[in-house]
C-alpha atoms as a PDB file:
ATOM      1  CA  MET A   1      -6.036  16.701  13.522  1.00  0.00           C
ATOM      2  CA  GLN A   2      -8.401  18.993  11.726  1.00  0.00           C
ATOM      3  CA  ASN A   3      -7.867  17.278   8.386  1.00  0.00           C
ATOM      4  CA  LYS A   4      -9.934  14.373   7.311  1.00  0.00           C
ATOM      5  CA  ILE A   5      -7.755  11.246   7.038  1.00  0.00           C
ATOM      6  CA  HIS A   6      -7.846   8.112   4.963  1.00  0.00           C
ATOM      7  CA  PHE A   7      -5.314   5.443   4.322  1.00  0.00           C
ATOM      8  CA  ILE A   8      -3.681   3.724   1.277  1.00  0.00           C
ATOM      9  CA  SER A   9      -2.392   0.169   1.768  1.00  0.00           C
ATOM     10  CA  GLY A  10      -2.133  -3.140   0.140  1.00  0.00           C
ATOM     11  CA  LEU A  11       0.459  -5.131  -1.926  1.00  0.00           C
ATOM     12  CA  PRO A  12       3.728  -3.751  -3.349  1.00  0.00           C
ATOM     13  CA  ARG A  13       3.950  -2.922  -7.028  1.00  0.00           C
ATOM     14  CA  SER A  14       0.158  -2.759  -7.008  1.00  0.00           C
ATOM     15  CA  GLY A  15      -0.494   0.948  -7.824  1.00  0.00           C
ATOM     16  CA  SER A  16      -0.401   2.642  -4.398  1.00  0.00           C
ATOM     17  CA  THR A  17       2.207   5.190  -5.449  1.00  0.00           C
ATOM     18  CA  LEU A  18       0.297   5.638  -8.723  1.00  0.00           C
ATOM     19  CA  LEU A  19      -2.921   6.223  -6.813  1.00  0.00           C
ATOM     20  CA  GLY A  20      -1.334   8.719  -4.638  1.00  0.00           C
ATOM     21  CA  ALA A  21       0.181  10.583  -7.595  1.00  0.00           C
ATOM     22  CA  ILE A  22      -3.317  10.799  -9.109  1.00  0.00           C
ATOM     23  CA  LEU A  23      -5.137  11.829  -5.918  1.00  0.00           C
ATOM     24  CA  ARG A  24      -2.520  14.597  -5.209  1.00  0.00           C
ATOM     25  CA  GLN A  25      -3.681  16.415  -8.425  1.00  0.00           C
ATOM     26  CA  ASN A  26      -6.690  17.425  -6.409  1.00  0.00           C
ATOM     27  CA  PRO A  27      -5.619  20.606  -4.557  1.00  0.00           C
ATOM     28  CA  ARG A  28      -7.803  19.492  -1.515  1.00  0.00           C
ATOM     29  CA  PHE A  29      -5.787  16.360  -1.072  1.00  0.00           C
ATOM     30  CA  HIS A  30      -2.356  15.341   0.162  1.00  0.00           C
ATOM     31  CA  ALA A  31      -1.071  11.981  -0.955  1.00  0.00           C
ATOM     32  CA  GLY A  32       2.220  10.371  -1.847  1.00  0.00           C
ATOM     33  CA  MET A  33       4.399   7.234  -1.430  1.00  0.00           C
ATOM     34  CA  THR A  34       4.745   5.304   1.888  1.00  0.00           C
ATOM     35  CA  SER A  35       5.181   7.729   4.769  1.00  0.00           C
ATOM     36  CA  PRO A  36       7.164   7.164   8.058  1.00  0.00           C
ATOM     37  CA  VAL A  37       3.984   7.478  10.099  1.00  0.00           C
ATOM     38  CA  GLY A  38       3.257   3.783  10.191  1.00  0.00           C
ATOM     39  CA  GLY A  39       6.759   3.017  11.450  1.00  0.00           C
ATOM     40  CA  LEU A  40       6.627   5.777  14.081  1.00  0.00           C
ATOM     41  CA  VAL A  41       3.272   4.438  15.322  1.00  0.00           C
ATOM     42  CA  GLU A  42       4.767   0.895  15.566  1.00  0.00           C
ATOM     43  CA  GLN A  43       7.742   2.273  17.669  1.00  0.00           C
ATOM     44  CA  MET A  44       5.308   4.274  19.930  1.00  0.00           C
ATOM     45  CA  LEU A  45       3.131   1.283  20.509  1.00  0.00           C
ATOM     46  CA  ALA A  46       6.232  -0.747  21.458  1.00  0.00           C
ATOM     47  CA  ALA A  47       7.451   1.994  23.790  1.00  0.00           C
ATOM     48  CA  MET A  48       4.056   2.106  25.608  1.00  0.00           C
ATOM     49  CA  SER A  49       3.793  -1.796  25.904  1.00  0.00           C
ATOM     50  CA  ASP A  50       4.748  -3.861  28.773  1.00  0.00           C
ATOM     51  CA  GLN A  51       8.182  -4.086  27.256  1.00  0.00           C
ATOM     52  CA  ASN A  52       8.750  -0.815  28.962  1.00  0.00           C
ATOM     53  CA  GLU A  53       8.548  -1.033  32.794  1.00  0.00           C
ATOM     54  CA  TYR A  54       7.239   2.488  32.902  1.00  0.00           C
ATOM     55  CA  SER A  55       4.182   1.689  30.766  1.00  0.00           C
ATOM     56  CA  VAL A  56       2.160   1.244  33.940  1.00  0.00           C
ATOM     57  CA  PHE A  57       2.132   5.036  34.214  1.00  0.00           C
ATOM     58  CA  ILE A  58       0.507   5.577  30.768  1.00  0.00           C
ATOM     59  CA  SER A  59      -3.218   5.526  30.631  1.00  0.00           C
ATOM     60  CA  GLU A  60      -5.301   4.313  27.669  1.00  0.00           C
ATOM     61  CA  GLU A  61      -6.198   7.915  26.948  1.00  0.00           C
ATOM     62  CA  GLN A  62      -2.630   9.077  26.970  1.00  0.00           C
ATOM     63  CA  LYS A  63      -1.730   6.289  24.621  1.00  0.00           C
ATOM     64  CA  ARG A  64      -4.443   7.436  22.282  1.00  0.00           C
ATOM     65  CA  GLN A  65      -3.271  11.152  22.404  1.00  0.00           C
ATOM     66  CA  LEU A  66       0.450  10.160  22.002  1.00  0.00           C
ATOM     67  CA  ILE A  67      -0.428   8.214  18.802  1.00  0.00           C
ATOM     68  CA  HIS A  68      -2.639  11.033  17.645  1.00  0.00           C
ATOM     69  CA  SER A  69       0.216  13.426  18.088  1.00  0.00           C
ATOM     70  CA  ILE A  70       2.325  11.506  15.561  1.00  0.00           C
ATOM     71  CA  PHE A  71      -0.213  12.147  12.901  1.00  0.00           C
ATOM     72  CA  ASN A  72      -0.712  15.840  13.975  1.00  0.00           C
ATOM     73  CA  THR A  73       2.928  16.670  13.994  1.00  0.00           C
ATOM     74  CA  TYR A  74       3.869  14.865  10.778  1.00  0.00           C
ATOM     75  CA  TYR A  75       0.965  16.444   8.814  1.00  0.00           C
ATOM     76  CA  GLN A  76       1.111  19.887  10.345  1.00  0.00           C
ATOM     77  CA  PRO A  77       2.704  21.253   7.050  1.00  0.00           C
ATOM     78  CA  GLN A  78      -0.347  19.987   5.161  1.00  0.00           C
ATOM     79  CA  ALA A  79      -2.790  21.787   7.527  1.00  0.00           C
ATOM     80  CA  ASP A  80      -4.373  23.560   4.532  1.00  0.00           C
ATOM     81  CA  LYS A  81      -5.323  20.205   2.874  1.00  0.00           C
ATOM     82  CA  ALA A  82      -8.878  19.048   3.528  1.00  0.00           C
ATOM     83  CA  VAL A  83      -7.981  15.350   3.134  1.00  0.00           C
ATOM     84  CA  ILE A  84      -4.808  13.444   3.997  1.00  0.00           C
ATOM     85  CA  PHE A  85      -4.029   9.973   2.596  1.00  0.00           C
ATOM     86  CA  ASP A  86      -1.293   8.232   4.474  1.00  0.00           C
ATOM     87  CA  THR A  87       0.248   5.265   2.718  1.00  0.00           C
ATOM     88  CA  ASN A  88       1.769   2.278   4.394  1.00  0.00           C
ATOM     89  CA  ARG A  89       1.456  -1.478   3.799  1.00  0.00           C
ATOM     90  CA  LEU A  90       0.947  -2.144   7.550  1.00  0.00           C
ATOM     91  CA  TRP A  91      -2.373  -0.327   7.791  1.00  0.00           C
ATOM     92  CA  CYS A  92      -4.201  -3.353   6.610  1.00  0.00           C
ATOM     93  CA  ALA A  93      -2.889  -5.044   9.812  1.00  0.00           C
ATOM     94  CA  LYS A  94      -4.095  -2.118  11.992  1.00  0.00           C
ATOM     95  CA  LEU A  95      -7.794  -1.770  11.165  1.00  0.00           C
ATOM     96  CA  SER A  96      -8.704  -1.936  14.861  1.00  0.00           C
ATOM     97  CA  LEU A  97      -6.215   0.866  15.675  1.00  0.00           C
ATOM     98  CA  ILE A  98      -7.527   2.969  12.726  1.00  0.00           C
ATOM     99  CA  ASN A  99     -11.150   2.359  13.912  1.00  0.00           C
ATOM    100  CA  GLU A 100     -10.257   3.563  17.363  1.00  0.00           C
ATOM    101  CA  LEU A 101      -8.286   6.655  16.282  1.00  0.00           C
ATOM    102  CA  PHE A 102     -10.145   7.629  13.188  1.00  0.00           C
ATOM    103  CA  PRO A 103     -13.670   6.184  13.119  1.00  0.00           C
ATOM    104  CA  GLU A 104     -14.566   7.860   9.837  1.00  0.00           C
ATOM    105  CA  ALA A 105     -11.362   6.863   8.035  1.00  0.00           C
ATOM    106  CA  LYS A 106     -11.417   4.438   5.095  1.00  0.00           C
ATOM    107  CA  ILE A 107      -8.644   2.319   3.615  1.00  0.00           C
ATOM    108  CA  ILE A 108      -8.003   1.906  -0.038  1.00  0.00           C
ATOM    109  CA  CYS A 109      -6.197  -1.312  -0.524  1.00  0.00           C
ATOM    110  CA  CYS A 110      -4.300  -1.813  -3.812  1.00  0.00           C
ATOM    111  CA  VAL A 111      -3.891  -5.344  -5.041  1.00  0.00           C
ATOM    112  CA  ARG A 112      -2.556  -7.285  -7.929  1.00  0.00           C
ATOM    113  CA  ASN A 113      -2.051 -10.815  -8.995  1.00  0.00           C
ATOM    114  CA  ILE A 114       0.957 -11.999  -6.873  1.00  0.00           C
ATOM    115  CA  ALA A 115       2.669 -13.544  -9.850  1.00  0.00           C
ATOM    116  CA  TRP A 116       2.752 -10.108 -11.574  1.00  0.00           C
ATOM    117  CA  VAL A 117       3.904  -8.504  -8.357  1.00  0.00           C
ATOM    118  CA  MET A 118       6.859 -10.839  -8.270  1.00  0.00           C
ATOM    119  CA  ASP A 119       7.436 -10.314 -12.021  1.00  0.00           C
ATOM    120  CA  SER A 120       7.412  -6.481 -11.522  1.00  0.00           C
ATOM    121  CA  ILE A 121      10.057  -6.652  -8.721  1.00  0.00           C
ATOM    122  CA  GLU A 122      12.195  -9.123 -10.661  1.00  0.00           C
ATOM    123  CA  ARG A 123      12.253  -6.616 -13.588  1.00  0.00           C
ATOM    124  CA  LEU A 124      13.415  -3.868 -11.330  1.00  0.00           C
ATOM    125  CA  ILE A 125      16.259  -6.136  -9.914  1.00  0.00           C
ATOM    126  CA  ARG A 126      17.369  -6.951 -13.403  1.00  0.00           C
ATOM    127  CA  ARG A 127      17.152  -3.480 -14.600  1.00  0.00           C
ATOM    128  CA  ASN A 128      19.514  -2.353 -11.815  1.00  0.00           C
ATOM    129  CA  ALA A 129      21.984  -5.177 -12.610  1.00  0.00           C
ATOM    130  CA  PHE A 130      25.129  -3.408 -11.212  1.00  0.00           C
ATOM    131  CA  ASP A 131      23.383  -2.567  -7.883  1.00  0.00           C
ATOM    132  CA  VAL A 132      22.989  -4.913  -4.914  1.00  0.00           C
ATOM    133  CA  SER A 133      19.287  -4.330  -3.891  1.00  0.00           C
ATOM    134  CA  ARG A 134      18.681  -3.930  -0.194  1.00  0.00           C
ATOM    135  CA  LEU A 135      15.456  -5.796  -0.600  1.00  0.00           C
ATOM    136  CA  PHE A 136      17.504  -8.867   0.066  1.00  0.00           C
ATOM    137  CA  ASN A 137      19.532  -9.773   3.174  1.00  0.00           C
ATOM    138  CA  ASN A 138      22.403 -11.836   1.786  1.00  0.00           C
ATOM    139  CA  LEU A 139      23.975 -13.402  -1.280  1.00  0.00           C
ATOM    140  CA  GLY A 140      21.899 -16.582  -0.802  1.00  0.00           C
ATOM    141  CA  GLU A 141      18.645 -14.587  -1.051  1.00  0.00           C
ATOM    142  CA  ARG A 142      19.838 -12.575  -4.094  1.00  0.00           C
ATOM    143  CA  ALA A 143      21.310 -15.690  -5.948  1.00  0.00           C
ATOM    144  CA  THR A 144      18.466 -16.609  -8.355  1.00  0.00           C
ATOM    145  CA  VAL A 145      14.984 -15.642  -9.265  1.00  0.00           C
ATOM    146  CA  TYR A 146      13.734 -18.567  -7.183  1.00  0.00           C
ATOM    147  CA  SER A 147      15.727 -17.561  -3.950  1.00  0.00           C
ATOM    148  CA  ARG A 148      14.669 -13.951  -4.589  1.00  0.00           C
ATOM    149  CA  THR A 149      10.852 -14.672  -4.870  1.00  0.00           C
ATOM    150  CA  GLU A 150      11.066 -17.142  -2.022  1.00  0.00           C
ATOM    151  CA  ALA A 151      12.727 -14.513   0.292  1.00  0.00           C
ATOM    152  CA  LEU A 152      10.196 -11.826  -0.655  1.00  0.00           C
ATOM    153  CA  SER A 153       7.230 -14.155   0.005  1.00  0.00           C
ATOM    154  CA  GLN A 154       8.194 -14.958   3.522  1.00  0.00           C
ATOM    155  CA  GLY A 155       5.763 -13.750   6.296  1.00  0.00           C
ATOM    156  CA  GLY A 156       7.739 -10.679   7.407  1.00  0.00           C
ATOM    157  CA  ARG A 157       9.089  -9.572   4.127  1.00  0.00           C
ATOM    158  CA  LEU A 158       8.041  -7.118   1.260  1.00  0.00           C
ATOM    159  CA  VAL A 159       5.415  -9.346  -0.426  1.00  0.00           C
ATOM    160  CA  GLY A 160       4.656 -11.958   2.300  1.00  0.00           C
ATOM    161  CA  PHE A 161       3.789  -9.399   5.032  1.00  0.00           C
ATOM    162  CA  ALA A 162       1.649  -7.238   2.803  1.00  0.00           C
ATOM    163  CA  TYR A 163      -0.291 -10.258   1.475  1.00  0.00           C
ATOM    164  CA  SER A 164      -0.975 -11.479   4.952  1.00  0.00           C
ATOM    165  CA  ALA A 165      -2.022  -7.960   6.175  1.00  0.00           C
ATOM    166  CA  VAL A 166      -4.487  -7.656   3.184  1.00  0.00           C
ATOM    167  CA  LYS A 167      -5.975 -11.081   3.899  1.00  0.00           C
ATOM    168  CA  GLU A 168      -6.394 -10.112   7.648  1.00  0.00           C
ATOM    169  CA  ALA A 169      -8.174  -6.906   6.657  1.00  0.00           C
ATOM    170  CA  PHE A 170     -10.288  -8.535   3.929  1.00  0.00           C
ATOM    171  CA  TYR A 171     -11.866 -11.006   6.299  1.00  0.00           C
ATOM    172  CA  SER A 172     -12.036  -8.795   9.485  1.00  0.00           C
ATOM    173  CA  GLU A 173     -14.799  -7.369  11.348  1.00  0.00           C
ATOM    174  CA  ASN A 174     -13.889  -3.909   9.979  1.00  0.00           C
ATOM    175  CA  SER A 175     -13.741  -5.034   6.343  1.00  0.00           C
ATOM    176  CA  HIS A 176     -16.567  -2.632   5.425  1.00  0.00           C
ATOM    177  CA  LYS A 177     -13.957   0.226   5.717  1.00  0.00           C
ATOM    178  CA  LEU A 178     -11.817  -1.380   3.017  1.00  0.00           C
ATOM    179  CA  LEU A 179     -11.983  -0.750  -0.805  1.00  0.00           C
ATOM    180  CA  ILE A 180     -10.042  -3.363  -2.751  1.00  0.00           C
ATOM    181  CA  VAL A 181      -8.637  -1.817  -5.945  1.00  0.00           C
ATOM    182  CA  ASP A 182      -7.184  -4.146  -8.590  1.00  0.00           C
ATOM    183  CA  TYR A 183      -4.056  -2.546 -10.306  1.00  0.00           C
ATOM    184  CA  ASP A 184      -5.037  -3.777 -13.691  1.00  0.00           C
ATOM    185  CA  LEU A 185      -8.457  -2.099 -13.586  1.00  0.00           C
ATOM    186  CA  LEU A 186      -6.865   1.199 -12.328  1.00  0.00           C
ATOM    187  CA  ALA A 187      -4.430   1.073 -15.238  1.00  0.00           C
ATOM    188  CA  LYS A 188      -7.055   0.087 -17.852  1.00  0.00           C
ATOM    189  CA  GLY A 189      -9.743   2.451 -16.682  1.00  0.00           C
ATOM    190  CA  PRO A 190      -8.413   5.257 -14.434  1.00  0.00           C
ATOM    191  CA  GLN A 191     -11.295   7.502 -14.845  1.00  0.00           C
ATOM    192  CA  GLN A 192     -13.883   4.959 -13.871  1.00  0.00           C
ATOM    193  CA  THR A 193     -11.879   3.632 -11.154  1.00  0.00           C
ATOM    194  CA  ILE A 194     -11.032   7.051  -9.622  1.00  0.00           C
ATOM    195  CA  SER A 195     -14.713   7.894  -9.908  1.00  0.00           C
ATOM    196  CA  LEU A 196     -15.667   4.847  -7.788  1.00  0.00           C
ATOM    197  CA  ILE A 197     -12.998   5.643  -5.287  1.00  0.00           C
ATOM    198  CA  TYR A 198     -14.403   9.228  -4.852  1.00  0.00           C
ATOM    199  CA  GLN A 199     -17.819   7.694  -4.357  1.00  0.00           C
ATOM    200  CA  PHE A 200     -16.504   5.309  -1.697  1.00  0.00           C
ATOM    201  CA  LEU A 201     -14.833   8.211   0.085  1.00  0.00           C
ATOM    202  CA  GLY A 202     -17.851  10.508  -0.241  1.00  0.00           C
ATOM    203  CA  GLU A 203     -15.805  13.253  -1.910  1.00  0.00           C
ATOM    204  CA  THR A 204     -16.878  15.694  -4.620  1.00  0.00           C
ATOM    205  CA  PRO A 205     -15.651  14.552  -8.157  1.00  0.00           C
ATOM    206  CA  PHE A 206     -12.564  16.192  -9.543  1.00  0.00           C
ATOM    207  CA  LYS A 207     -11.342  16.140 -13.015  1.00  0.00           C
ATOM    208  CA  HIS A 208      -7.942  14.362 -13.129  1.00  0.00           C
ATOM    209  CA  ASP A 209      -5.412  14.521 -15.894  1.00  0.00           C
ATOM    210  CA  PHE A 210      -4.443  10.861 -16.546  1.00  0.00           C
ATOM    211  CA  GLU A 211      -1.997  11.920 -19.344  1.00  0.00           C
ATOM    212  CA  ASN A 212       0.262  13.916 -17.133  1.00  0.00           C
ATOM    213  CA  ILE A 213       0.887  12.165 -13.821  1.00  0.00           C
ATOM    214  CA  GLU A 214       4.090  13.326 -11.967  1.00  0.00           C
ATOM    215  CA  TYR A 215       5.716  11.386  -9.097  1.00  0.00           C
ATOM    216  CA  ASP A 216       9.229  10.168  -8.346  1.00  0.00           C
ATOM    217  CA  GLU A 217      11.324   9.627  -5.285  1.00  0.00           C
ATOM    218  CA  PRO A 218      14.757   8.909  -6.670  1.00  0.00           C
ATOM    219  CA  GLU A 219      16.685   9.557  -3.441  1.00  0.00           C
ATOM    220  CA  PHE A 220      14.567   6.990  -1.437  1.00  0.00           C
ATOM    221  CA  ASP A 221      14.961   4.436  -4.261  1.00  0.00           C
ATOM    222  CA  LEU A 222      18.732   4.961  -4.428  1.00  0.00           C
ATOM    223  CA  ASN A 223      18.895   4.318  -0.732  1.00  0.00           C
ATOM    224  CA  LEU A 224      17.472   0.880  -1.380  1.00  0.00           C
ATOM    225  CA  ASN A 225      19.659   0.438  -4.429  1.00  0.00           C
ATOM    226  CA  THR A 226      16.641  -0.216  -6.451  1.00  0.00           C
ATOM    227  CA  LYS A 227      16.125   2.757  -8.856  1.00  0.00           C
ATOM    228  CA  GLY A 228      12.742   3.234 -10.206  1.00  0.00           C
ATOM    229  CA  LEU A 229      10.824   1.584  -7.350  1.00  0.00           C
ATOM    230  CA  HIS A 230       8.607   4.592  -6.896  1.00  0.00           C
ATOM    231  CA  LYS A 231       8.797   6.296 -10.300  1.00  0.00           C
ATOM    232  CA  VAL A 232       5.354   6.666 -11.913  1.00  0.00           C
ATOM    233  CA  ARG A 233       4.922   6.871 -15.665  1.00  0.00           C
ATOM    234  CA  GLN A 234       3.440  10.073 -17.041  1.00  0.00           C
ATOM    235  CA  LYS A 235       0.452   8.415 -18.656  1.00  0.00           C
ATOM    236  CA  VAL A 236      -1.873   5.931 -16.882  1.00  0.00           C
ATOM    237  CA  ALA A 237      -2.025   2.996 -19.086  1.00  0.00           C
ATOM    238  CA  PHE A 238      -2.071  -0.774 -19.070  1.00  0.00           C
ATOM    239  CA  GLN A 239       1.015  -2.315 -20.646  1.00  0.00           C
ATOM    240  CA  PRO A 240       0.549  -6.046 -21.430  1.00  0.00           C
ATOM    241  CA  ARG A 241       3.636  -8.076 -21.514  1.00  0.00           C
ATOM    242  CA  GLN A 242       5.027 -11.669 -21.226  1.00  0.00           C
ATOM    243  CA  THR A 243       6.306 -12.628 -17.819  1.00  0.00           C
ATOM    244  CA  ILE A 244      10.030 -12.991 -17.207  1.00  0.00           C
ATOM    245  CA  LEU A 245       9.357 -15.561 -14.401  1.00  0.00           C
ATOM    246  CA  PRO A 246       9.917 -19.214 -15.265  1.00  0.00           C
ATOM    247  CA  PRO A 247       6.617 -20.954 -15.895  1.00  0.00           C
ATOM    248  CA  ASP A 248       6.617 -23.054 -12.800  1.00  0.00           C
ATOM    249  CA  LEU A 249       7.363 -20.022 -10.619  1.00  0.00           C
ATOM    250  CA  PHE A 250       4.659 -17.916 -12.212  1.00  0.00           C
ATOM    251  CA  GLU A 251       2.130 -20.679 -11.707  1.00  0.00           C
ATOM    252  CA  ARG A 252       3.102 -20.987  -8.006  1.00  0.00           C
ATOM    253  CA  TYR A 253       1.894 -17.413  -7.335  1.00  0.00           C
ATOM    254  CA  ASN A 254      -0.783 -17.028  -9.971  1.00  0.00           C
ATOM    255  CA  SER A 255      -3.720 -18.601  -7.997  1.00  0.00           C
ATOM    256  CA  LEU A 256      -3.408 -16.494  -4.812  1.00  0.00           C
ATOM    257  CA  SER A 257      -5.816 -13.702  -5.675  1.00  0.00           C
ATOM    258  CA  PHE A 258      -8.412 -14.405  -2.860  1.00  0.00           C
ATOM    259  CA  TRP A 259     -10.156 -11.148  -3.498  1.00  0.00           C
ATOM    260  CA  GLU A 260     -11.426 -12.422  -6.831  1.00  0.00           C
ATOM    261  CA  GLN A 261     -13.252 -15.387  -5.294  1.00  0.00           C
ATOM    262  CA  PRO A 262     -16.644 -15.218  -3.647  1.00  0.00           C
ATOM    263  CA  SER A 263     -16.181 -14.892   0.110  1.00  0.00           C
ATOM    264  CA  PRO A 264     -17.802 -13.767   3.365  1.00  0.00           C
ATOM    265  CA  THR A 265     -16.486 -10.230   3.452  1.00  0.00           C
ATOM    266  CA  ARG A 266     -18.004  -6.781   3.639  1.00  0.00           C
ATOM    267  CA  ALA A 267     -15.072  -5.235   1.745  1.00  0.00           C
ATOM    268  CA  ASN A 268     -15.960  -2.988  -1.231  1.00  0.00           C
ATOM    269  CA  LEU A 269     -14.407  -4.261  -4.396  1.00  0.00           C
ATOM    270  CA  ILE A 270     -13.115  -2.912  -7.674  1.00  0.00           C
ATOM    271  CA  VAL A 271     -11.704  -6.186  -8.963  1.00  0.00           C
ATOM    272  CA  ALA A 272     -12.187  -8.634 -11.860  1.00  0.00           C
ATOM    273  CA  LYS A 273     -15.312 -10.712 -11.757  1.00  0.00           C
ATOM    274  CA  PRO A 274     -15.076 -13.848  -9.621  1.00  0.00           C
ATOM    275  CA  LYS A 275     -13.716 -16.973 -11.362  1.00  0.00           C
ATOM    276  CA  ASN A 276     -15.977 -19.843 -11.986  1.00  0.00           C
END
């Protein structure tokens, strides 16, 4: 593809949709919520694996070109944009693939204290009290705040998978391609944070309007029976609040922010200072 491509990944409810909404104000950029590209790539990789008896007829170069074709085809309507940002939580688990396909690409990884991620999701569930959210598989998972957070934290689920993928990327050999962006810092200081993101990407600064952010995907959210999942507030601002999680549950997830601790990573960081 002729466009330059970068990736947005990270934890749910941590600002990836907000970041996409901000970046898309720049007429040179295309960005948005999670795209289907990651899922299509996963399906293509499976189809070319030894699960398919005909995979022996597909060379490594053909595999590369087939995966490239997904990006080329999906983003053909955005051919006039200089930079594409594709968003998906799985990209943090695909740094080796990204490095092979797009050696110059970088990954912006949005993170947030896991306790507040759970709090944010729980608020959405309670706000949609008459809807049965498709984030959960059965009545048992939906039963209480304890079963809901437990289900979401499992390895292959919304929060658990994303957390494991971020941790993999953070400690990987390709961690230098990563920029960790803490949601609280983005919300408290959007101008400074976006300026650092532009520096990381090597892009010319652009004057963003943080008072008039526009982004919503109501049809997608309705399909999940979780209205407001991707709605972005008009003004970028940090809103302090009391958690609605029980104290023991909040404490269970409060100490999982490994990106705040000193560690042997080459990842670039826009996060709170390491705790003593």
